[in-house]
């Protein structure tokens, strides 16, 4: 996710510091100091075609939504007004989004088979007919397609194919990292590219050992340039350097599905298995609080600590702010 400056109010900081002590004592985690902003968002959210796949926020506080219907990409103001839409017939089953420091928009097309749940959208048949799938796209801030990674409609490994890429994140120098392989897919790896899209290396394989992955579902990069991988199937977040060396793992965040990071490494993680958001730190790996009753996967956070959460099954967008 995009890193932007973050300043907690003094009272909120005291609350968050107290949360760590309570969590360390093994007690039930206290509520994080957040409240929902209602009403908020596009009036049509909640209908099936609004199934959210990914969210990110740029340095200006503008929200970017990747959804599983056309047009797949929407730019939304902080007030909840849709400002621009684009990307028709590009995504078979959209999954992850990232806005880089230059305002470029990156998004992944996971292409899993049609979900069996009746409250989820099927794959985009028109995009399949157009030969799409298993790719990562880079768009300009205005929505022009600038770069494509992967081979259209072809699943595989190696340097030029993905098998359901789930997320993408970029380093300050433009280096690209892609998590490749949804739950049950053959691939379970991180793929690294140069800023120009040139393949550099890949690491990881299916398994539960150090450096192995099971359904790498989301990516983030902390203030030290470390790559955080939501290793959902193994119920942990693995932390790598940019060459794929395992540095540590966090095991307090449940089955991590989505992640959002602040510039101070405050970490927000959606645990869709327990339907809540866990608040903690990428510096300590510790959970300090919880926001309950959220059926979520994608999550984003802005400069003021405001959270945007996309609930996949209810097909809703929700906004939370620090309590005043």
Protein backbone atom coordinates (compact mmCIF):
# COMPACT_ATOMS: atom_id res chain seq x y z
CA UNK A 1 0.00 0.00 0.00
CA UNK A 2 1.04 3.62 -0.48
CA UNK A 3 2.95 5.03 2.48
CA UNK A 4 1.87 8.46 3.67
CA UNK A 5 2.57 10.38 6.89
CA UNK A 6 0.36 9.42 9.83
CA UNK A 7 -0.20 11.34 13.05
CA UNK A 8 -2.37 9.96 15.85
CA UNK A 9 -4.11 12.30 18.21
CA UNK A 10 -2.58 12.22 21.67
CA UNK A 11 -5.60 10.52 23.23
CA UNK A 12 -5.74 7.88 20.50
CA UNK A 13 -2.03 7.20 20.88
CA UNK A 14 -2.49 6.53 24.58
CA UNK A 15 -5.30 4.13 23.82
CA UNK A 16 -3.25 2.25 21.25
CA UNK A 17 -0.30 1.95 23.65
CA UNK A 18 -2.59 0.47 26.30
CA UNK A 19 -3.87 -2.08 23.78
CA UNK A 20 -0.47 -3.74 23.52
CA UNK A 21 -0.24 -4.31 27.25
CA UNK A 22 -3.69 -5.89 27.32
CA UNK A 23 -2.92 -8.16 24.36
CA UNK A 24 0.39 -9.25 25.86
CA UNK A 25 -1.37 -10.39 29.03
CA UNK A 26 -3.43 -12.83 26.96
CA UNK A 27 -6.70 -10.97 27.58
CA UNK A 28 -9.41 -10.43 25.01
CA UNK A 29 -8.21 -7.68 22.72
CA UNK A 30 -9.86 -4.33 23.37
CA UNK A 31 -11.62 -2.41 20.69
CA UNK A 32 -9.44 -0.17 18.57
CA UNK A 33 -10.55 3.49 18.79
CA UNK A 34 -12.48 3.59 15.52
CA UNK A 35 -16.01 4.52 14.56
CA UNK A 36 -17.83 3.96 11.29
CA UNK A 37 -18.69 6.90 9.06
CA UNK A 38 -22.32 6.58 7.97
CA UNK A 39 -23.82 7.24 5.57
CA UNK A 40 -20.89 7.06 3.19
CA UNK A 41 -20.06 5.85 -0.29
CA UNK A 42 -21.80 5.35 -3.62
CA UNK A 43 -25.52 4.77 -3.17
CA UNK A 44 -25.47 1.64 -5.37
CA UNK A 45 -22.87 -0.16 -3.24
CA UNK A 46 -24.31 -3.35 -1.80
CA UNK A 47 -25.55 -4.75 -5.11
CA UNK A 48 -23.83 -7.80 -6.56
CA UNK A 49 -21.87 -5.87 -9.19
CA UNK A 50 -20.10 -3.98 -6.39
CA UNK A 51 -18.15 -7.00 -5.16
CA UNK A 52 -14.83 -5.43 -4.03
CA UNK A 53 -11.52 -7.10 -4.87
CA UNK A 54 -8.92 -4.51 -3.88
CA UNK A 55 -8.57 -1.06 -2.33
CA UNK A 56 -5.80 1.51 -2.03
CA UNK A 57 -5.48 5.21 -1.20
CA UNK A 58 -3.09 7.68 -2.79
CA UNK A 59 -1.19 10.49 -1.07
CA UNK A 60 -4.10 12.90 -1.65
CA UNK A 61 -6.60 10.64 0.09
CA UNK A 62 -8.31 9.51 -3.11
CA UNK A 63 -9.65 5.96 -2.95
CA UNK A 64 -9.09 3.39 -5.72
CA UNK A 65 -11.47 0.44 -5.94
CA UNK A 66 -10.90 -2.71 -7.97
CA UNK A 67 -14.12 -4.70 -8.34
CA UNK A 68 -15.23 -7.86 -10.11
CA UNK A 69 -17.47 -6.30 -12.73
CA UNK A 70 -16.95 -3.82 -15.57
CA UNK A 71 -15.70 -1.18 -15.41
CA UNK A 72 -13.33 -2.80 -12.95
CA UNK A 73 -11.44 0.26 -11.70
CA UNK A 74 -13.11 3.16 -9.96
CA UNK A 75 -11.60 6.34 -8.51
CA UNK A 76 -13.62 7.60 -5.53
CA UNK A 77 -13.33 10.84 -3.57
CA UNK A 78 -12.97 10.80 0.23
CA UNK A 79 -16.61 11.90 0.36
CA UNK A 80 -17.63 8.73 -1.50
CA UNK A 81 -18.32 10.15 -4.95
CA UNK A 82 -17.22 8.16 -8.01
CA UNK A 83 -14.94 10.43 -10.04
CA UNK A 84 -13.74 8.13 -12.82
CA UNK A 85 -14.19 4.56 -14.07
CA UNK A 86 -12.13 2.53 -16.53
CA UNK A 87 -10.75 -0.95 -17.40
CA UNK A 88 -13.47 -2.82 -19.28
CA UNK A 89 -12.91 -6.42 -20.45
CA UNK A 90 -9.47 -6.67 -18.81
CA UNK A 91 -10.19 -8.68 -15.66
CA UNK A 92 -11.52 -12.22 -15.52
CA UNK A 93 -11.51 -12.25 -11.70
CA UNK A 94 -9.93 -9.10 -10.27
CA UNK A 95 -7.99 -9.41 -7.02
CA UNK A 96 -5.34 -6.90 -5.86
CA UNK A 97 -4.56 -3.21 -6.35
CA UNK A 98 -1.69 -0.89 -5.48
CA UNK A 99 -1.13 2.82 -6.12
CA UNK A 100 2.57 3.68 -6.28
CA UNK A 101 4.34 6.87 -5.26
CA UNK A 102 3.92 8.33 -8.75
CA UNK A 103 0.17 7.76 -8.76
CA UNK A 104 0.34 4.80 -11.14
CA UNK A 105 -2.30 2.14 -10.56
CA UNK A 106 -1.33 -1.54 -10.47
CA UNK A 107 -3.88 -4.35 -10.46
CA UNK A 108 -3.91 -8.15 -10.70
CA UNK A 109 -6.23 -10.56 -12.51
CA UNK A 110 -6.30 -13.73 -10.46
CA UNK A 111 -8.55 -15.85 -12.71
CA UNK A 112 -9.64 -18.64 -10.41
CA UNK A 113 -12.75 -20.55 -11.68
CA UNK A 114 -16.20 -19.35 -10.94
CA UNK A 115 -16.88 -19.30 -7.17
CA UNK A 116 -19.43 -21.83 -5.97
CA UNK A 117 -21.04 -19.39 -3.52
CA UNK A 118 -24.23 -17.89 -4.94
CA UNK A 119 -23.52 -14.53 -3.28
CA UNK A 120 -20.30 -14.04 -5.25
CA UNK A 121 -20.00 -12.94 -8.85
CA UNK A 122 -18.94 -15.54 -11.43
CA UNK A 123 -15.84 -14.93 -13.50
CA UNK A 124 -16.15 -12.37 -16.28
CA UNK A 125 -17.07 -14.46 -19.33
CA UNK A 126 -16.56 -11.53 -21.70
CA UNK A 127 -12.99 -11.06 -20.48
CA UNK A 128 -12.32 -14.78 -20.92
CA UNK A 129 -13.64 -14.53 -24.49
CA UNK A 130 -11.29 -11.59 -25.04
CA UNK A 131 -8.36 -13.82 -24.05
CA UNK A 132 -7.65 -12.19 -20.68
CA UNK A 133 -6.47 -13.69 -17.41
CA UNK A 134 -3.42 -14.32 -15.19
CA UNK A 135 -1.90 -10.89 -15.68
CA UNK A 136 -0.76 -7.77 -13.82
CA UNK A 137 -1.54 -4.34 -15.25
CA UNK A 138 0.00 -0.90 -14.72
CA UNK A 139 -2.14 2.15 -15.53
CA UNK A 140 -1.33 5.84 -15.65
CA UNK A 141 -3.10 8.10 -13.12
CA UNK A 142 -5.55 8.87 -15.95
CA UNK A 143 -6.29 5.20 -16.60
CA UNK A 144 -4.16 4.52 -19.69
CA UNK A 145 -2.68 1.01 -19.80
CA UNK A 146 1.13 1.36 -19.63
CA UNK A 147 2.51 -2.11 -18.87
CA UNK A 148 1.32 -5.70 -18.72
CA UNK A 149 3.08 -8.57 -16.95
CA UNK A 150 2.27 -12.21 -17.67
CA UNK A 151 0.92 -14.02 -20.72
CA UNK A 152 -2.74 -13.31 -21.50
CA UNK A 153 -5.05 -16.20 -20.66
CA UNK A 154 -2.24 -18.66 -19.92
CA UNK A 155 -1.49 -20.02 -16.46
CA UNK A 156 2.00 -21.22 -15.61
CA UNK A 157 5.27 -20.57 -13.81
CA UNK A 158 8.59 -19.23 -14.96
CA UNK A 159 9.40 -15.62 -15.80
CA UNK A 160 6.52 -14.83 -18.16
CA UNK A 161 3.46 -16.54 -16.67
CA UNK A 162 1.42 -16.41 -13.50
CA UNK A 163 -1.13 -18.77 -12.02
CA UNK A 164 -3.58 -16.43 -10.32
CA UNK A 165 -1.54 -13.38 -9.25
CA UNK A 166 -3.19 -12.05 -6.10
CA UNK A 167 -1.46 -8.75 -5.34
CA UNK A 168 1.31 -6.34 -6.35
CA UNK A 169 3.45 -3.78 -4.54
CA UNK A 170 6.34 -1.56 -5.67
CA UNK A 171 9.47 -0.34 -3.90
CA UNK A 172 10.58 3.32 -3.89
CA UNK A 173 12.99 2.57 -6.78
CA UNK A 174 10.15 1.09 -8.84
CA UNK A 175 11.00 -2.60 -8.31
CA UNK A 176 7.84 -4.68 -8.65
CA UNK A 177 6.77 -7.59 -6.42
CA UNK A 178 3.84 -9.88 -7.29
CA UNK A 179 2.30 -12.56 -5.08
CA UNK A 180 1.43 -15.47 -7.36
CA UNK A 181 -0.96 -18.27 -6.45
CA UNK A 182 -4.39 -18.15 -4.82
CA UNK A 183 -5.61 -20.85 -2.45
CA UNK A 184 -5.20 -24.26 -4.08
CA UNK A 185 -3.27 -22.99 -7.10
CA UNK A 186 -0.04 -24.66 -8.23
CA UNK A 187 2.06 -21.53 -7.72
CA UNK A 188 2.87 -20.22 -4.24
CA UNK A 189 5.61 -17.68 -4.78
CA UNK A 190 6.71 -14.06 -4.93
CA UNK A 191 7.94 -12.79 -8.31
CA UNK A 192 10.29 -9.80 -8.56
CA UNK A 193 10.58 -7.54 -11.61
CA UNK A 194 12.59 -4.45 -12.43
CA UNK A 195 10.80 -1.14 -12.80
CA UNK A 196 10.68 -1.76 -16.57
CA UNK A 197 8.93 -5.11 -16.12
CA UNK A 198 12.03 -7.24 -16.64
CA UNK A 199 11.92 -10.51 -14.67
CA UNK A 200 14.56 -10.60 -11.94
CA UNK A 201 13.81 -13.60 -9.72
CA UNK A 202 11.14 -15.58 -7.89
CA UNK A 203 11.08 -17.24 -4.51
CA UNK A 204 8.79 -19.49 -2.49
CA UNK A 205 7.03 -22.80 -3.04
CA UNK A 206 3.99 -24.53 -1.60
CA UNK A 207 4.46 -25.62 1.98
CA UNK A 208 4.49 -24.49 5.61
CA UNK A 209 8.19 -24.12 6.31
CA UNK A 210 10.19 -20.90 6.45
CA UNK A 211 9.92 -19.15 3.08
CA UNK A 212 7.23 -21.55 1.88
CA UNK A 213 3.73 -20.27 1.17
CA UNK A 214 0.12 -21.42 1.09
CA UNK A 215 -2.14 -19.03 -0.76
CA UNK A 216 -0.11 -15.80 -0.61
CA UNK A 217 -3.06 -13.42 -0.61
CA UNK A 218 -1.76 -9.87 -0.17
CA UNK A 219 1.42 -7.80 -0.11
CA UNK A 220 2.67 -4.69 1.68
CA UNK A 221 6.01 -2.95 2.10
CA UNK A 222 7.06 -1.42 5.42
CA UNK A 223 9.15 1.67 6.13
CA UNK A 224 12.35 -0.39 5.95
CA UNK A 225 11.54 -1.73 2.50
CA UNK A 226 10.70 -5.21 3.77
CA UNK A 227 8.12 -7.24 1.85
CA UNK A 228 5.21 -8.45 3.99
CA UNK A 229 3.29 -11.42 2.59
CA UNK A 230 -0.14 -12.42 3.89
CA UNK A 231 0.48 -16.18 3.97
CA UNK A 232 -3.20 -16.89 4.56
CA UNK A 233 -3.16 -20.67 4.28
CA UNK A 234 -0.42 -20.88 6.92
CA UNK A 235 -2.11 -18.27 9.15
CA UNK A 236 0.89 -15.98 9.33
CA UNK A 237 2.51 -12.95 7.79
CA UNK A 238 5.99 -13.69 6.47
CA UNK A 239 8.50 -10.86 6.23
CA UNK A 240 11.18 -11.00 3.52
CA UNK A 241 13.95 -8.73 2.36
CA UNK A 242 13.75 -7.71 -1.30
CA UNK A 243 15.85 -10.70 -2.37
CA UNK A 244 13.56 -13.24 -0.74
CA UNK A 245 15.44 -13.90 2.50
CA UNK A 246 13.05 -14.68 5.36
CA UNK A 247 13.52 -12.17 8.17
CA UNK A 248 10.69 -13.06 10.54
CA UNK A 249 7.06 -14.08 10.73
CA UNK A 250 4.02 -12.70 12.54
CA UNK A 251 1.52 -15.23 13.85
CA UNK A 252 -0.94 -13.05 15.80
CA UNK A 253 -2.96 -11.82 12.81
CA UNK A 254 -5.10 -14.93 12.21
CA UNK A 255 -5.57 -15.90 8.59
CA UNK A 256 -4.46 -12.62 6.97
CA UNK A 257 -6.42 -11.72 3.86
CA UNK A 258 -5.68 -8.01 3.38
CA UNK A 259 -3.10 -5.59 4.78
CA UNK A 260 -2.68 -1.82 4.99
CA UNK A 261 0.38 -0.05 6.40
CA UNK A 262 1.00 3.45 7.72
CA UNK A 263 4.27 5.32 7.38
CA UNK A 264 4.97 4.57 11.05
CA UNK A 265 4.39 0.84 10.36
CA UNK A 266 1.02 0.71 12.07
CA UNK A 267 -0.46 -2.42 10.48
CA UNK A 268 -4.11 -3.18 9.75
CA UNK A 269 -4.95 -6.77 8.77
CA UNK A 270 -8.28 -8.24 7.74
CA UNK A 271 -8.86 -11.72 9.14
CA UNK A 272 -11.81 -12.91 7.08
CA UNK A 273 -11.99 -16.21 8.97
CA UNK A 274 -13.06 -14.38 12.13
CA UNK A 275 -14.65 -11.40 10.41
CA UNK A 276 -12.67 -8.61 12.01
CA UNK A 277 -9.77 -6.23 11.46
CA UNK A 278 -6.70 -6.58 13.67
CA UNK A 279 -4.57 -3.52 14.49
CA UNK A 280 -0.90 -3.91 15.31
CA UNK A 281 2.64 -3.07 14.26
CA UNK A 282 4.95 -4.27 11.52
CA UNK A 283 7.86 -3.33 13.78
CA UNK A 284 6.90 -5.65 16.64
CA UNK A 285 4.60 -8.14 14.90
CA UNK A 286 2.17 -7.70 17.78
CA UNK A 287 -1.60 -7.21 17.64
CA UNK A 288 -2.88 -4.42 19.84
CA UNK A 289 -6.57 -4.06 19.07
CA UNK A 290 -9.54 -5.20 17.02
CA UNK A 291 -12.36 -3.71 14.95
CA UNK A 292 -15.13 -6.36 15.06
CA UNK A 293 -18.00 -7.43 12.84
CA UNK A 294 -16.42 -6.85 9.45
CA UNK A 295 -16.70 -9.39 6.65
CA UNK A 296 -13.73 -8.08 4.78
CA UNK A 297 -10.74 -8.73 2.64
CA UNK A 298 -9.46 -5.56 0.92
CA UNK A 299 -8.44 -2.69 3.19
CA UNK A 300 -6.74 0.69 2.74
CA UNK A 301 -5.72 3.54 5.04
CA UNK A 302 -5.12 7.24 4.42
CA UNK A 303 -2.82 9.86 5.96
CA UNK A 304 -5.14 10.56 8.88
CA UNK A 305 -5.59 6.91 9.78
CA UNK A 306 -9.00 6.69 8.12
CA UNK A 307 -9.77 3.13 7.05
CA UNK A 308 -11.60 1.98 3.93
CA UNK A 309 -12.80 -1.61 3.98
CA UNK A 310 -14.38 -3.67 1.22
CA UNK A 311 -16.66 -6.49 2.32
CA UNK A 312 -16.58 -9.18 -0.34
CA UNK A 313 -19.76 -11.14 0.38
CA UNK A 314 -22.01 -8.19 1.35
CA UNK A 315 -20.56 -6.24 -1.62
CA UNK A 316 -20.17 -3.11 0.46
CA UNK A 317 -17.64 -0.33 1.04
CA UNK A 318 -17.22 0.95 4.59
CA UNK A 319 -15.30 3.88 6.05
CA UNK A 320 -13.95 4.10 9.61
CA UNK A 321 -12.23 7.03 11.35
CA UNK A 322 -10.46 7.48 14.64
CA UNK A 323 -12.90 8.41 17.36
CA UNK A 324 -13.00 12.11 18.08
